[in-house]
Amino acid sequence: MKKILIIEDNEQNLYLLTFILEKNGYSVSQARDGFSGIEQAKDKIPDLILLDIQLPGLDGYAVARELRKDQSLHAVPIVAVTSYAMTGDRERTLEAGCTGYIEKPIDPLTFMERIEKYL
């Protein structure tokens, strides 16, 4: 069973992402801030990390850069799931070390298709 770590502070987004992923057979772990997200990623080595950019304390850009420094996480895809949709935001997430980018609000009909491309 593939393991997915969601780093997201919004309760509704966390619930929705977890519900969709578990319904599709994935094992999901959750972190509500960047620091615990980094800790869990290093501890569990997930198959995929879904990362919110707007997080309390450490933002998603800093989290992605920190995760990319860890050799054991080097091959793990990090997908930014964010409401930031301004010009340049996608580029900023990729520069920080994210593999891809999904805009919020997510579309439950295409979400799994997009996720499975990274796995």
C-alpha atoms as a PDB file:
ATOM      1  CA  MET A   1       0.000   0.000   0.000  1.00  0.00           C
ATOM      2  CA  LYS A   2       1.421   3.376  -1.034  1.00  0.00           C
ATOM      3  CA  LYS A   3       1.963   5.899   1.773  1.00  0.00           C
ATOM      4  CA  ILE A   4       1.076   9.558   1.318  1.00  0.00           C
ATOM      5  CA  LEU A   5       1.952  12.323   3.756  1.00  0.00           C
ATOM      6  CA  ILE A   6      -0.296  15.397   3.717  1.00  0.00           C
ATOM      7  CA  ILE A   7       1.158  18.563   5.227  1.00  0.00           C
ATOM      8  CA  GLU A   8      -1.858  20.867   5.545  1.00  0.00           C
ATOM      9  CA  ASP A   9      -3.160  23.105   8.335  1.00  0.00           C
ATOM     10  CA  ASN A  10      -6.732  23.591   7.066  1.00  0.00           C
ATOM     11  CA  GLU A  11      -8.988  20.980   8.681  1.00  0.00           C
ATOM     12  CA  GLN A  12     -11.493  20.831   5.770  1.00  0.00           C
ATOM     13  CA  ASN A  13      -8.784  20.434   3.125  1.00  0.00           C
ATOM     14  CA  LEU A  14      -7.058  17.792   5.237  1.00  0.00           C
ATOM     15  CA  TYR A  15     -10.314  15.872   5.649  1.00  0.00           C
ATOM     16  CA  LEU A  16     -11.164  16.020   1.928  1.00  0.00           C
ATOM     17  CA  LEU A  17      -7.694  14.953   0.737  1.00  0.00           C
ATOM     18  CA  THR A  18      -7.510  12.147   3.301  1.00  0.00           C
ATOM     19  CA  PHE A  19     -11.013  10.909   2.440  1.00  0.00           C
ATOM     20  CA  ILE A  20     -10.309  10.768  -1.316  1.00  0.00           C
ATOM     21  CA  LEU A  21      -6.906   9.104  -0.910  1.00  0.00           C
ATOM     22  CA  GLU A  22      -8.053   6.490   1.625  1.00  0.00           C
ATOM     23  CA  LYS A  23     -11.112   5.707  -0.497  1.00  0.00           C
ATOM     24  CA  ASN A  24      -8.672   4.945  -3.328  1.00  0.00           C
ATOM     25  CA  GLY A  25      -6.588   2.561  -1.225  1.00  0.00           C
ATOM     26  CA  TYR A  26      -3.744   4.768   0.012  1.00  0.00           C
ATOM     27  CA  SER A  27      -2.332   4.905   3.523  1.00  0.00           C
ATOM     28  CA  VAL A  28      -2.419   8.539   4.693  1.00  0.00           C
ATOM     29  CA  SER A  29      -0.531  10.309   7.453  1.00  0.00           C
ATOM     30  CA  GLN A  30      -1.106  13.937   8.360  1.00  0.00           C
ATOM     31  CA  ALA A  31       0.942  16.857   9.626  1.00  0.00           C
ATOM     32  CA  ARG A  32      -0.611  20.225  10.452  1.00  0.00           C
ATOM     33  CA  ASP A  33       2.539  22.338  10.244  1.00  0.00           C
ATOM     34  CA  GLY A  34       5.867  22.374   8.460  1.00  0.00           C
ATOM     35  CA  PHE A  35       8.039  21.263  11.365  1.00  0.00           C
ATOM     36  CA  SER A  36       6.013  18.130  12.126  1.00  0.00           C
ATOM     37  CA  GLY A  37       5.694  17.494   8.385  1.00  0.00           C
ATOM     38  CA  ILE A  38       9.480  17.413   7.993  1.00  0.00           C
ATOM     39  CA  GLU A  39       9.790  15.165  11.046  1.00  0.00           C
ATOM     40  CA  GLN A  40       7.139  12.720   9.762  1.00  0.00           C
ATOM     41  CA  ALA A  41       8.601  12.665   6.246  1.00  0.00           C
ATOM     42  CA  LYS A  42      12.045  11.733   7.594  1.00  0.00           C
ATOM     43  CA  ASP A  43      10.540   9.164   9.946  1.00  0.00           C
ATOM     44  CA  LYS A  44       8.095   7.452   7.547  1.00  0.00           C
ATOM     45  CA  ILE A  45       9.652   8.040   4.084  1.00  0.00           C
ATOM     46  CA  PRO A  46       6.307   8.281   2.239  1.00  0.00           C
ATOM     47  CA  ASP A  47       5.808   7.496  -1.449  1.00  0.00           C
ATOM     48  CA  LEU A  48       4.389  10.992  -2.018  1.00  0.00           C
ATOM     49  CA  ILE A  49       4.125  14.247  -0.071  1.00  0.00           C
ATOM     50  CA  LEU A  50       1.215  16.660  -0.590  1.00  0.00           C
ATOM     51  CA  LEU A  51       2.318  20.050   0.688  1.00  0.00           C
ATOM     52  CA  ASP A  52       0.280  23.167   1.393  1.00  0.00           C
ATOM     53  CA  ILE A  53       2.267  26.371   0.816  1.00  0.00           C
ATOM     54  CA  GLN A  54       0.489  28.550   3.395  1.00  0.00           C
ATOM     55  CA  LEU A  55       1.465  26.886   6.665  1.00  0.00           C
ATOM     56  CA  PRO A  56       1.910  28.311  10.165  1.00  0.00           C
ATOM     57  CA  GLY A  57       5.526  28.808  11.248  1.00  0.00           C
ATOM     58  CA  LEU A  58       7.440  27.386   8.315  1.00  0.00           C
ATOM     59  CA  ASP A  59       5.874  27.956   4.887  1.00  0.00           C
ATOM     60  CA  GLY A  60       5.683  25.256   2.215  1.00  0.00           C
ATOM     61  CA  TYR A  61       8.620  26.665   0.247  1.00  0.00           C
ATOM     62  CA  ALA A  62      10.900  26.326   3.293  1.00  0.00           C
ATOM     63  CA  VAL A  63       9.510  22.849   4.021  1.00  0.00           C
ATOM     64  CA  ALA A  64      10.200  21.683   0.439  1.00  0.00           C
ATOM     65  CA  ARG A  65      13.758  23.064   0.538  1.00  0.00           C
ATOM     66  CA  GLU A  66      14.381  21.323   3.879  1.00  0.00           C
ATOM     67  CA  LEU A  67      12.974  17.996   2.622  1.00  0.00           C
ATOM     68  CA  ARG A  68      15.170  18.143  -0.481  1.00  0.00           C
ATOM     69  CA  LYS A  69      18.296  18.359   1.699  1.00  0.00           C
ATOM     70  CA  ASP A  70      17.575  14.868   3.075  1.00  0.00           C
ATOM     71  CA  GLN A  71      19.113  12.123   0.897  1.00  0.00           C
ATOM     72  CA  SER A  72      16.524   9.536   1.956  1.00  0.00           C
ATOM     73  CA  LEU A  73      13.723  11.797   0.643  1.00  0.00           C
ATOM     74  CA  HIS A  74      15.466  12.801  -2.571  1.00  0.00           C
ATOM     75  CA  ALA A  75      13.335  10.574  -4.830  1.00  0.00           C
ATOM     76  CA  VAL A  76      10.024  11.268  -3.051  1.00  0.00           C
ATOM     77  CA  PRO A  77       7.724  13.453  -5.182  1.00  0.00           C
ATOM     78  CA  ILE A  78       6.521  16.602  -3.397  1.00  0.00           C
ATOM     79  CA  VAL A  79       3.336  18.082  -4.844  1.00  0.00           C
ATOM     80  CA  ALA A  80       2.299  21.566  -3.758  1.00  0.00           C
ATOM     81  CA  VAL A  81      -1.459  21.746  -3.190  1.00  0.00           C
ATOM     82  CA  THR A  82      -2.151  25.444  -2.945  1.00  0.00           C
ATOM     83  CA  SER A  83      -4.536  28.286  -3.547  1.00  0.00           C
ATOM     84  CA  TYR A  84      -1.605  30.404  -4.707  1.00  0.00           C
ATOM     85  CA  ALA A  85      -2.363  30.709  -8.394  1.00  0.00           C
ATOM     86  CA  MET A  86      -0.689  33.976  -9.308  1.00  0.00           C
ATOM     87  CA  THR A  87       1.864  34.330 -12.078  1.00  0.00           C
ATOM     88  CA  GLY A  88       5.161  32.959 -10.814  1.00  0.00           C
ATOM     89  CA  ASP A  89       3.726  30.874  -7.957  1.00  0.00           C
ATOM     90  CA  ARG A  90       4.084  27.617  -9.872  1.00  0.00           C
ATOM     91  CA  GLU A  91       7.700  28.462 -10.685  1.00  0.00           C
ATOM     92  CA  ARG A  92       8.412  29.320  -7.033  1.00  0.00           C
ATOM     93  CA  THR A  93       7.119  25.926  -5.873  1.00  0.00           C
ATOM     94  CA  LEU A  94       9.271  24.110  -8.442  1.00  0.00           C
ATOM     95  CA  GLU A  95      12.352  26.184  -7.511  1.00  0.00           C
ATOM     96  CA  ALA A  96      11.796  25.260  -3.854  1.00  0.00           C
ATOM     97  CA  GLY A  97      12.004  21.575  -4.768  1.00  0.00           C
ATOM     98  CA  CYS A  98       8.414  20.568  -5.473  1.00  0.00           C
ATOM     99  CA  THR A  99       7.856  18.048  -8.245  1.00  0.00           C
ATOM    100  CA  GLY A 100       4.442  19.411  -9.221  1.00  0.00           C
ATOM    101  CA  TYR A 101       1.586  21.724  -8.387  1.00  0.00           C
ATOM    102  CA  ILE A 102      -2.171  21.264  -7.905  1.00  0.00           C
ATOM    103  CA  GLU A 103      -4.438  24.285  -7.421  1.00  0.00           C
ATOM    104  CA  LYS A 104      -7.075  24.556  -4.707  1.00  0.00           C
ATOM    105  CA  PRO A 105      -9.901  24.086  -4.575  1.00  0.00           C
ATOM    106  CA  ILE A 106      -9.111  20.577  -5.771  1.00  0.00           C
ATOM    107  CA  ASP A 107     -11.402  18.907  -8.270  1.00  0.00           C
ATOM    108  CA  PRO A 108     -12.330  15.532  -6.730  1.00  0.00           C
ATOM    109  CA  LEU A 109     -13.052  14.152 -10.228  1.00  0.00           C
ATOM    110  CA  THR A 110      -9.523  14.737 -11.566  1.00  0.00           C
ATOM    111  CA  PHE A 111      -7.542  14.742  -8.297  1.00  0.00           C
ATOM    112  CA  MET A 112      -6.677  11.007  -8.239  1.00  0.00           C
ATOM    113  CA  GLU A 113      -5.687  11.030 -11.884  1.00  0.00           C
ATOM    114  CA  ARG A 114      -3.272  13.887 -11.170  1.00  0.00           C
ATOM    115  CA  ILE A 115      -1.914  12.238  -7.995  1.00  0.00           C
ATOM    116  CA  GLU A 116      -1.281   8.906  -9.702  1.00  0.00           C
ATOM    117  CA  LYS A 117       0.932  10.617 -12.288  1.00  0.00           C
ATOM    118  CA  TYR A 118       3.417  11.305  -9.482  1.00  0.00           C
ATOM    119  CA  LEU A 119       3.364   7.759  -8.141  1.00  0.00           C
END
